[in-house]
Amino acid sequence: MDTQALRKRAHDLDVTVWVGKGGLDPVVDECDDQLKSAELVKVKFLRSAQGGTDVETLADELADRTDADVVETRGNTAVLYR
């Protein structure tokens, strides 16, 4: 996996998964489906989802649950790759 090339491709992606106060559970299946059709998915973690943790931790957990890799996190946004 060429991280730099993936970051370049992810730059123009729109956010297609939003994680809110419901946490990760409601979005795992949707994220998994999107990763099957498009190998890169941009995820936005709303402040209400973070509840005492950070975006990197949430992104790692979501990646684990969808069998994906975290390409990068920036601010409240993460890019997942499968």
N, C-alpha and C. Protein backbone atom coordinates (compact mmCIF):
# COMPACT_ATOMS: atom_id res chain seq x y z
N MET A 1 0.85 -1.19 0.00
CA MET A 1 0.00 0.00 0.00
C MET A 1 0.90 1.25 0.00
N ASP A 2 0.78 2.04 -1.05
CA ASP A 2 1.53 3.29 -1.16
C ASP A 2 0.74 4.41 -0.49
N THR A 3 1.09 4.71 0.72
CA THR A 3 0.33 5.66 1.53
C THR A 3 0.23 7.03 0.86
N GLN A 4 1.32 7.49 0.27
CA GLN A 4 1.30 8.81 -0.36
C GLN A 4 0.33 8.86 -1.53
N ALA A 5 0.31 7.82 -2.35
CA ALA A 5 -0.61 7.76 -3.49
C ALA A 5 -2.06 7.70 -3.00
N LEU A 6 -2.29 6.93 -1.94
CA LEU A 6 -3.65 6.84 -1.39
C LEU A 6 -4.10 8.17 -0.81
N ARG A 7 -3.20 8.87 -0.14
CA ARG A 7 -3.55 10.20 0.40
C ARG A 7 -3.91 11.16 -0.71
N LYS A 8 -3.17 11.08 -1.80
CA LYS A 8 -3.44 11.94 -2.95
C LYS A 8 -4.83 11.66 -3.53
N ARG A 9 -5.15 10.37 -3.66
CA ARG A 9 -6.48 10.00 -4.18
C ARG A 9 -7.57 10.41 -3.21
N ALA A 10 -7.32 10.31 -1.92
CA ALA A 10 -8.34 10.61 -0.91
C ALA A 10 -8.61 12.10 -0.79
N HIS A 11 -7.66 12.91 -1.21
CA HIS A 11 -7.78 14.36 -1.04
C HIS A 11 -9.08 14.90 -1.65
N ASP A 12 -9.45 14.40 -2.82
CA ASP A 12 -10.64 14.92 -3.50
C ASP A 12 -11.93 14.17 -3.17
N LEU A 13 -11.83 13.16 -2.31
CA LEU A 13 -13.03 12.41 -1.93
C LEU A 13 -13.94 13.24 -1.04
N ASP A 14 -15.24 13.01 -1.20
CA ASP A 14 -16.21 13.61 -0.29
C ASP A 14 -16.38 12.67 0.90
N VAL A 15 -16.76 13.24 2.03
CA VAL A 15 -17.09 12.42 3.20
C VAL A 15 -18.38 11.67 2.88
N THR A 16 -18.37 10.35 3.07
CA THR A 16 -19.56 9.55 2.79
C THR A 16 -20.07 8.82 4.02
N VAL A 17 -19.32 8.84 5.12
CA VAL A 17 -19.75 8.22 6.37
C VAL A 17 -19.56 9.23 7.49
N TRP A 18 -20.64 9.47 8.24
CA TRP A 18 -20.57 10.37 9.39
C TRP A 18 -20.81 9.56 10.65
N VAL A 19 -19.93 9.71 11.62
CA VAL A 19 -20.09 9.04 12.91
C VAL A 19 -20.55 10.10 13.91
N GLY A 20 -21.75 9.88 14.46
CA GLY A 20 -22.32 10.85 15.40
C GLY A 20 -22.41 10.30 16.80
N LYS A 21 -23.39 10.82 17.55
CA LYS A 21 -23.48 10.45 18.96
C LYS A 21 -23.81 8.98 19.18
N GLY A 22 -24.29 8.29 18.14
CA GLY A 22 -24.57 6.87 18.25
C GLY A 22 -23.31 6.02 18.27
N GLY A 23 -22.18 6.64 17.97
CA GLY A 23 -20.91 5.94 17.97
C GLY A 23 -20.69 5.13 16.70
N LEU A 24 -19.83 4.14 16.78
CA LEU A 24 -19.44 3.37 15.61
C LEU A 24 -20.47 2.33 15.18
N ASP A 25 -21.20 1.74 16.14
CA ASP A 25 -22.10 0.63 15.83
C ASP A 25 -23.04 0.90 14.65
N PRO A 26 -23.70 2.08 14.58
CA PRO A 26 -24.64 2.29 13.47
C PRO A 26 -23.98 2.43 12.09
N VAL A 27 -22.68 2.68 12.04
CA VAL A 27 -22.06 2.94 10.73
C VAL A 27 -21.13 1.82 10.25
N VAL A 28 -20.90 0.81 11.05
CA VAL A 28 -19.95 -0.24 10.67
C VAL A 28 -20.38 -0.92 9.37
N ASP A 29 -21.65 -1.34 9.29
CA ASP A 29 -22.12 -2.04 8.09
C ASP A 29 -22.07 -1.14 6.85
N GLU A 30 -22.50 0.11 7.01
CA GLU A 30 -22.48 1.04 5.88
C GLU A 30 -21.05 1.27 5.39
N CYS A 31 -20.14 1.46 6.31
CA CYS A 31 -18.74 1.67 5.96
C CYS A 31 -18.18 0.43 5.26
N ASP A 32 -18.52 -0.73 5.76
CA ASP A 32 -18.07 -1.99 5.17
C ASP A 32 -18.58 -2.11 3.74
N ASP A 33 -19.86 -1.80 3.52
CA ASP A 33 -20.43 -1.85 2.16
C ASP A 33 -19.72 -0.89 1.22
N GLN A 34 -19.44 0.32 1.71
CA GLN A 34 -18.76 1.30 0.86
C GLN A 34 -17.34 0.87 0.53
N LEU A 35 -16.66 0.24 1.48
CA LEU A 35 -15.30 -0.24 1.23
C LEU A 35 -15.28 -1.36 0.20
N LYS A 36 -16.37 -2.12 0.10
CA LYS A 36 -16.45 -3.18 -0.90
C LYS A 36 -16.54 -2.61 -2.31
N SER A 37 -17.27 -1.49 -2.46
CA SER A 37 -17.46 -0.93 -3.80
C SER A 37 -16.39 0.11 -4.16
N ALA A 38 -15.89 0.81 -3.17
CA ALA A 38 -14.83 1.80 -3.41
C ALA A 38 -13.76 1.55 -2.35
N GLU A 39 -12.54 1.36 -2.76
CA GLU A 39 -11.54 0.94 -1.76
C GLU A 39 -11.12 2.04 -0.79
N LEU A 40 -11.49 3.29 -1.07
CA LEU A 40 -11.21 4.40 -0.15
C LEU A 40 -12.52 5.02 0.33
N VAL A 41 -12.62 5.23 1.63
CA VAL A 41 -13.81 5.86 2.21
C VAL A 41 -13.36 6.93 3.19
N LYS A 42 -13.96 8.11 3.06
CA LYS A 42 -13.65 9.21 3.98
C LYS A 42 -14.73 9.28 5.05
N VAL A 43 -14.30 9.29 6.31
CA VAL A 43 -15.21 9.24 7.45
C VAL A 43 -15.02 10.50 8.29
N LYS A 44 -16.13 11.12 8.66
CA LYS A 44 -16.08 12.31 9.53
C LYS A 44 -16.61 11.92 10.90
N PHE A 45 -15.83 12.22 11.93
CA PHE A 45 -16.23 11.95 13.31
C PHE A 45 -16.73 13.25 13.93
N LEU A 46 -18.04 13.33 14.15
CA LEU A 46 -18.59 14.53 14.76
C LEU A 46 -18.15 14.60 16.21
N ARG A 47 -18.13 15.79 16.74
CA ARG A 47 -17.65 15.99 18.10
C ARG A 47 -18.44 15.13 19.10
N SER A 48 -19.73 14.95 18.83
CA SER A 48 -20.58 14.17 19.75
C SER A 48 -20.17 12.69 19.77
N ALA A 49 -19.48 12.21 18.75
CA ALA A 49 -19.05 10.80 18.69
C ALA A 49 -17.80 10.57 19.52
N GLN A 50 -17.05 11.62 19.75
CA GLN A 50 -15.73 11.45 20.34
C GLN A 50 -15.76 11.17 21.84
N GLY A 51 -16.68 11.75 22.55
CA GLY A 51 -16.89 11.49 23.97
C GLY A 51 -15.68 11.03 24.77
N GLY A 52 -14.67 11.85 24.88
CA GLY A 52 -13.53 11.53 25.73
C GLY A 52 -12.43 10.75 25.04
N THR A 53 -12.63 10.35 23.80
CA THR A 53 -11.58 9.66 23.06
C THR A 53 -11.14 10.55 21.89
N ASP A 54 -10.20 10.08 21.08
CA ASP A 54 -9.75 10.92 19.97
C ASP A 54 -10.07 10.25 18.63
N VAL A 55 -9.95 11.02 17.58
CA VAL A 55 -10.29 10.57 16.23
C VAL A 55 -9.42 9.38 15.82
N GLU A 56 -8.14 9.40 16.18
CA GLU A 56 -7.25 8.30 15.80
C GLU A 56 -7.73 6.97 16.39
N THR A 57 -8.13 7.00 17.66
CA THR A 57 -8.61 5.79 18.32
C THR A 57 -9.89 5.28 17.66
N LEU A 58 -10.83 6.21 17.39
CA LEU A 58 -12.08 5.82 16.74
C LEU A 58 -11.82 5.28 15.34
N ALA A 59 -10.92 5.91 14.61
CA ALA A 59 -10.61 5.47 13.24
C ALA A 59 -9.98 4.07 13.26
N ASP A 60 -9.07 3.84 14.21
CA ASP A 60 -8.46 2.51 14.33
C ASP A 60 -9.50 1.45 14.65
N GLU A 61 -10.43 1.77 15.54
CA GLU A 61 -11.46 0.80 15.90
C GLU A 61 -12.38 0.50 14.72
N LEU A 62 -12.76 1.55 13.98
CA LEU A 62 -13.62 1.36 12.81
C LEU A 62 -12.88 0.54 11.75
N ALA A 63 -11.61 0.82 11.57
CA ALA A 63 -10.80 0.05 10.60
C ALA A 63 -10.74 -1.42 11.01
N ASP A 64 -10.54 -1.69 12.29
CA ASP A 64 -10.52 -3.07 12.78
C ASP A 64 -11.84 -3.78 12.50
N ARG A 65 -12.93 -3.07 12.73
CA ARG A 65 -14.25 -3.69 12.60
C ARG A 65 -14.68 -3.86 11.14
N THR A 66 -14.01 -3.17 10.21
CA THR A 66 -14.36 -3.30 8.79
C THR A 66 -13.24 -3.95 7.99
N ASP A 67 -12.23 -4.48 8.68
CA ASP A 67 -11.10 -5.15 8.03
C ASP A 67 -10.43 -4.21 7.03
N ALA A 68 -10.17 -2.98 7.48
CA ALA A 68 -9.57 -1.96 6.63
C ALA A 68 -8.32 -1.41 7.31
N ASP A 69 -7.65 -0.52 6.60
CA ASP A 69 -6.49 0.18 7.15
C ASP A 69 -6.78 1.67 7.19
N VAL A 70 -6.22 2.35 8.18
CA VAL A 70 -6.33 3.81 8.25
C VAL A 70 -5.21 4.40 7.40
N VAL A 71 -5.57 5.15 6.37
CA VAL A 71 -4.57 5.81 5.52
C VAL A 71 -4.05 7.05 6.22
N GLU A 72 -4.99 7.85 6.75
CA GLU A 72 -4.60 9.05 7.49
C GLU A 72 -5.77 9.57 8.30
N THR A 73 -5.45 10.35 9.32
CA THR A 73 -6.46 11.11 10.05
C THR A 73 -6.01 12.56 10.02
N ARG A 74 -6.96 13.43 9.81
CA ARG A 74 -6.66 14.86 9.81
C ARG A 74 -7.86 15.58 10.40
N GLY A 75 -7.64 16.26 11.50
CA GLY A 75 -8.75 16.93 12.17
C GLY A 75 -9.74 15.90 12.67
N ASN A 76 -10.99 16.04 12.26
CA ASN A 76 -12.04 15.10 12.66
C ASN A 76 -12.37 14.10 11.55
N THR A 77 -11.48 13.97 10.58
CA THR A 77 -11.73 13.13 9.41
C THR A 77 -10.67 12.05 9.30
N ALA A 78 -11.10 10.87 8.86
CA ALA A 78 -10.17 9.76 8.63
C ALA A 78 -10.45 9.17 7.25
N VAL A 79 -9.43 8.57 6.66
CA VAL A 79 -9.58 7.88 5.39
C VAL A 79 -9.25 6.42 5.63
N LEU A 80 -10.18 5.54 5.24
CA LEU A 80 -9.99 4.10 5.37
C LEU A 80 -9.76 3.49 4.00
N TYR A 81 -8.96 2.43 3.97
CA TYR A 81 -8.59 1.76 2.73
C TYR A 81 -8.73 0.25 2.90
N ARG A 82 -9.27 -0.38 1.88
CA ARG A 82 -9.28 -1.85 1.88
C ARG A 82 -8.90 -2.32 0.50
